[in-house]
Amino acid sequence: MGVATSPNNKEQNMNYAMRPLTTEKVTSSGSSAQSSAFNANIEYIRVIPDADCHIEFGVNPTAANTKIFLEAKSSECFKVSPGEKVAVIGSVNLYVTELSE
């Protein structure tokens, strides 16, 4: 659930939803593995790992144990740019879903 500020500066709870488009499974067996590049007009993705892992974003990212930590079976959304990728490291399947408004 997101929080929005009204014109009189009182916080209001606000639900938001995005349309899921494509989902890719990225598998890492202990070394960094990259997703495909995000499609044009994609600004947000959702990731769900089936085990604890670390991720990194970029045009040619390399995930390392010092990067963004994701807990197993957690769901996170990230803002991205078209052409970027996500890399993951761990013994994990990372499910990456491109989202559209």
C-alpha atoms as a PDB file:
ATOM      1  CA  MET A   1       0.000   0.000   0.000  1.00  0.00           C
ATOM      2  CA  GLY A   2       1.377   3.426  -0.885  1.00  0.00           C
ATOM      3  CA  VAL A   3       0.948   6.618   1.088  1.00  0.00           C
ATOM      4  CA  ALA A   4      -0.023   9.869  -0.598  1.00  0.00           C
ATOM      5  CA  THR A   5      -0.151  13.381   0.821  1.00  0.00           C
ATOM      6  CA  SER A   6      -3.314  15.372   0.279  1.00  0.00           C
ATOM      7  CA  PRO A   7      -3.331  19.095  -0.504  1.00  0.00           C
ATOM      8  CA  ASN A   8      -3.883  19.855   3.187  1.00  0.00           C
ATOM      9  CA  ASN A   9      -0.818  17.699   4.059  1.00  0.00           C
ATOM     10  CA  LYS A  10      -2.774  14.915   5.756  1.00  0.00           C
ATOM     11  CA  GLU A  11      -1.577  11.446   4.822  1.00  0.00           C
ATOM     12  CA  GLN A  12      -4.038   9.154   3.115  1.00  0.00           C
ATOM     13  CA  ASN A  13      -3.710   5.457   2.451  1.00  0.00           C
ATOM     14  CA  MET A  14      -3.802   4.715  -1.244  1.00  0.00           C
ATOM     15  CA  ASN A  15      -3.798   1.380  -3.059  1.00  0.00           C
ATOM     16  CA  TYR A  16      -1.877   1.046  -6.294  1.00  0.00           C
ATOM     17  CA  ALA A  17      -1.707  -1.667  -8.892  1.00  0.00           C
ATOM     18  CA  MET A  18       0.322  -2.339 -12.000  1.00  0.00           C
ATOM     19  CA  ARG A  19      -0.372  -4.655 -14.931  1.00  0.00           C
ATOM     20  CA  PRO A  20       1.959  -7.711 -15.031  1.00  0.00           C
ATOM     21  CA  LEU A  21       3.382  -8.283 -18.498  1.00  0.00           C
ATOM     22  CA  THR A  22       6.163 -10.858 -18.901  1.00  0.00           C
ATOM     23  CA  THR A  23       7.798 -12.996 -16.224  1.00  0.00           C
ATOM     24  CA  GLU A  24      11.298 -14.442 -16.538  1.00  0.00           C
ATOM     25  CA  LYS A  25      12.918 -17.006 -14.239  1.00  0.00           C
ATOM     26  CA  VAL A  26      16.612 -16.239 -13.640  1.00  0.00           C
ATOM     27  CA  THR A  27      18.533 -19.104 -12.017  1.00  0.00           C
ATOM     28  CA  SER A  28      21.767 -18.707 -10.063  1.00  0.00           C
ATOM     29  CA  SER A  29      23.746 -21.659  -8.729  1.00  0.00           C
ATOM     30  CA  GLY A  30      26.192 -19.596  -6.709  1.00  0.00           C
ATOM     31  CA  SER A  31      27.499 -17.255  -9.407  1.00  0.00           C
ATOM     32  CA  SER A  32      25.973 -14.054 -10.793  1.00  0.00           C
ATOM     33  CA  ALA A  33      23.282 -14.589 -13.447  1.00  0.00           C
ATOM     34  CA  GLN A  34      21.564 -11.855 -15.488  1.00  0.00           C
ATOM     35  CA  SER A  35      18.010 -11.411 -16.704  1.00  0.00           C
ATOM     36  CA  SER A  36      17.178 -10.335 -20.225  1.00  0.00           C
ATOM     37  CA  ALA A  37      17.156  -6.583 -20.844  1.00  0.00           C
ATOM     38  CA  PHE A  38      13.914  -4.884 -19.775  1.00  0.00           C
ATOM     39  CA  ASN A  39      11.650  -3.956 -22.680  1.00  0.00           C
ATOM     40  CA  ALA A  40      10.967  -0.434 -23.935  1.00  0.00           C
ATOM     41  CA  ASN A  41       8.474   1.533 -21.824  1.00  0.00           C
ATOM     42  CA  ILE A  42       9.123  -0.617 -18.729  1.00  0.00           C
ATOM     43  CA  GLU A  43       9.684   1.504 -15.624  1.00  0.00           C
ATOM     44  CA  TYR A  44       8.903  -0.989 -12.857  1.00  0.00           C
ATOM     45  CA  ILE A  45       9.573  -4.643 -12.141  1.00  0.00           C
ATOM     46  CA  ARG A  46       8.582  -7.030  -9.369  1.00  0.00           C
ATOM     47  CA  VAL A  47      11.035  -9.674  -8.150  1.00  0.00           C
ATOM     48  CA  ILE A  48      10.349 -12.752  -6.018  1.00  0.00           C
ATOM     49  CA  PRO A  49      13.201 -15.107  -5.032  1.00  0.00           C
ATOM     50  CA  ASP A  50      12.586 -18.676  -3.877  1.00  0.00           C
ATOM     51  CA  ALA A  51      15.647 -18.465  -1.577  1.00  0.00           C
ATOM     52  CA  ASP A  52      17.693 -15.714   0.095  1.00  0.00           C
ATOM     53  CA  CYS A  53      19.826 -13.877  -2.483  1.00  0.00           C
ATOM     54  CA  HIS A  54      21.461 -10.606  -3.526  1.00  0.00           C
ATOM     55  CA  ILE A  55      20.637  -8.570  -6.636  1.00  0.00           C
ATOM     56  CA  GLU A  56      22.105  -5.678  -8.650  1.00  0.00           C
ATOM     57  CA  PHE A  57      20.733  -3.535 -11.510  1.00  0.00           C
ATOM     58  CA  GLY A  58      22.434  -2.038 -14.570  1.00  0.00           C
ATOM     59  CA  VAL A  59      23.140  -2.464 -18.269  1.00  0.00           C
ATOM     60  CA  ASN A  60      25.635  -5.260 -17.493  1.00  0.00           C
ATOM     61  CA  PRO A  61      25.223  -5.901 -13.737  1.00  0.00           C
ATOM     62  CA  THR A  62      27.127  -8.361 -11.581  1.00  0.00           C
ATOM     63  CA  ALA A  63      25.464  -9.405  -8.340  1.00  0.00           C
ATOM     64  CA  ALA A  64      27.618  -9.868  -5.239  1.00  0.00           C
ATOM     65  CA  ASN A  65      26.979 -10.655  -1.578  1.00  0.00           C
ATOM     66  CA  THR A  66      27.455  -6.945  -0.797  1.00  0.00           C
ATOM     67  CA  LYS A  67      24.559  -5.817  -3.026  1.00  0.00           C
ATOM     68  CA  ILE A  68      20.790  -5.589  -2.412  1.00  0.00           C
ATOM     69  CA  PHE A  69      19.594  -8.436  -0.152  1.00  0.00           C
ATOM     70  CA  LEU A  70      16.276 -10.178  -0.805  1.00  0.00           C
ATOM     71  CA  GLU A  71      14.736 -12.600   1.645  1.00  0.00           C
ATOM     72  CA  ALA A  72      13.269 -15.860   0.326  1.00  0.00           C
ATOM     73  CA  LYS A  73       9.701 -15.575  -0.951  1.00  0.00           C
ATOM     74  CA  SER A  74       9.620 -11.806  -0.462  1.00  0.00           C
ATOM     75  CA  SER A  75       8.089  -9.582  -3.132  1.00  0.00           C
ATOM     76  CA  GLU A  76       9.777  -6.288  -4.012  1.00  0.00           C
ATOM     77  CA  CYS A  77       9.115  -3.707  -6.732  1.00  0.00           C
ATOM     78  CA  PHE A  78      11.885  -1.579  -8.228  1.00  0.00           C
ATOM     79  CA  LYS A  79      11.997   1.348 -10.643  1.00  0.00           C
ATOM     80  CA  VAL A  80      14.171   0.504 -13.669  1.00  0.00           C
ATOM     81  CA  SER A  81      15.058   1.867 -17.091  1.00  0.00           C
ATOM     82  CA  PRO A  82      14.476   0.132 -20.434  1.00  0.00           C
ATOM     83  CA  GLY A  83      17.551  -1.860 -21.479  1.00  0.00           C
ATOM     84  CA  GLU A  84      18.711  -2.475 -17.927  1.00  0.00           C
ATOM     85  CA  LYS A  85      18.924  -5.958 -16.423  1.00  0.00           C
ATOM     86  CA  VAL A  86      18.855  -7.461 -12.952  1.00  0.00           C
ATOM     87  CA  ALA A  87      21.585  -9.863 -11.821  1.00  0.00           C
ATOM     88  CA  VAL A  88      21.154 -12.332  -8.965  1.00  0.00           C
ATOM     89  CA  ILE A  89      23.542 -14.437  -6.895  1.00  0.00           C
ATOM     90  CA  GLY A  90      22.770 -17.340  -4.552  1.00  0.00           C
ATOM     91  CA  SER A  91      21.306 -20.799  -4.972  1.00  0.00           C
ATOM     92  CA  VAL A  92      18.034 -19.359  -6.168  1.00  0.00           C
ATOM     93  CA  ASN A  93      15.397 -18.903  -8.826  1.00  0.00           C
ATOM     94  CA  LEU A  94      14.491 -15.212  -9.145  1.00  0.00           C
ATOM     95  CA  TYR A  95      11.136 -14.492 -10.798  1.00  0.00           C
ATOM     96  CA  VAL A  96      11.263 -11.102 -12.570  1.00  0.00           C
ATOM     97  CA  THR A  97       7.977  -9.594 -13.786  1.00  0.00           C
ATOM     98  CA  GLU A  98       7.851  -6.475 -15.939  1.00  0.00           C
ATOM     99  CA  LEU A  99       5.030  -4.154 -14.865  1.00  0.00           C
ATOM    100  CA  SER A 100       3.038  -1.536 -16.769  1.00  0.00           C
ATOM    101  CA  GLU A 101       0.478   1.047 -15.671  1.00  0.00           C
END
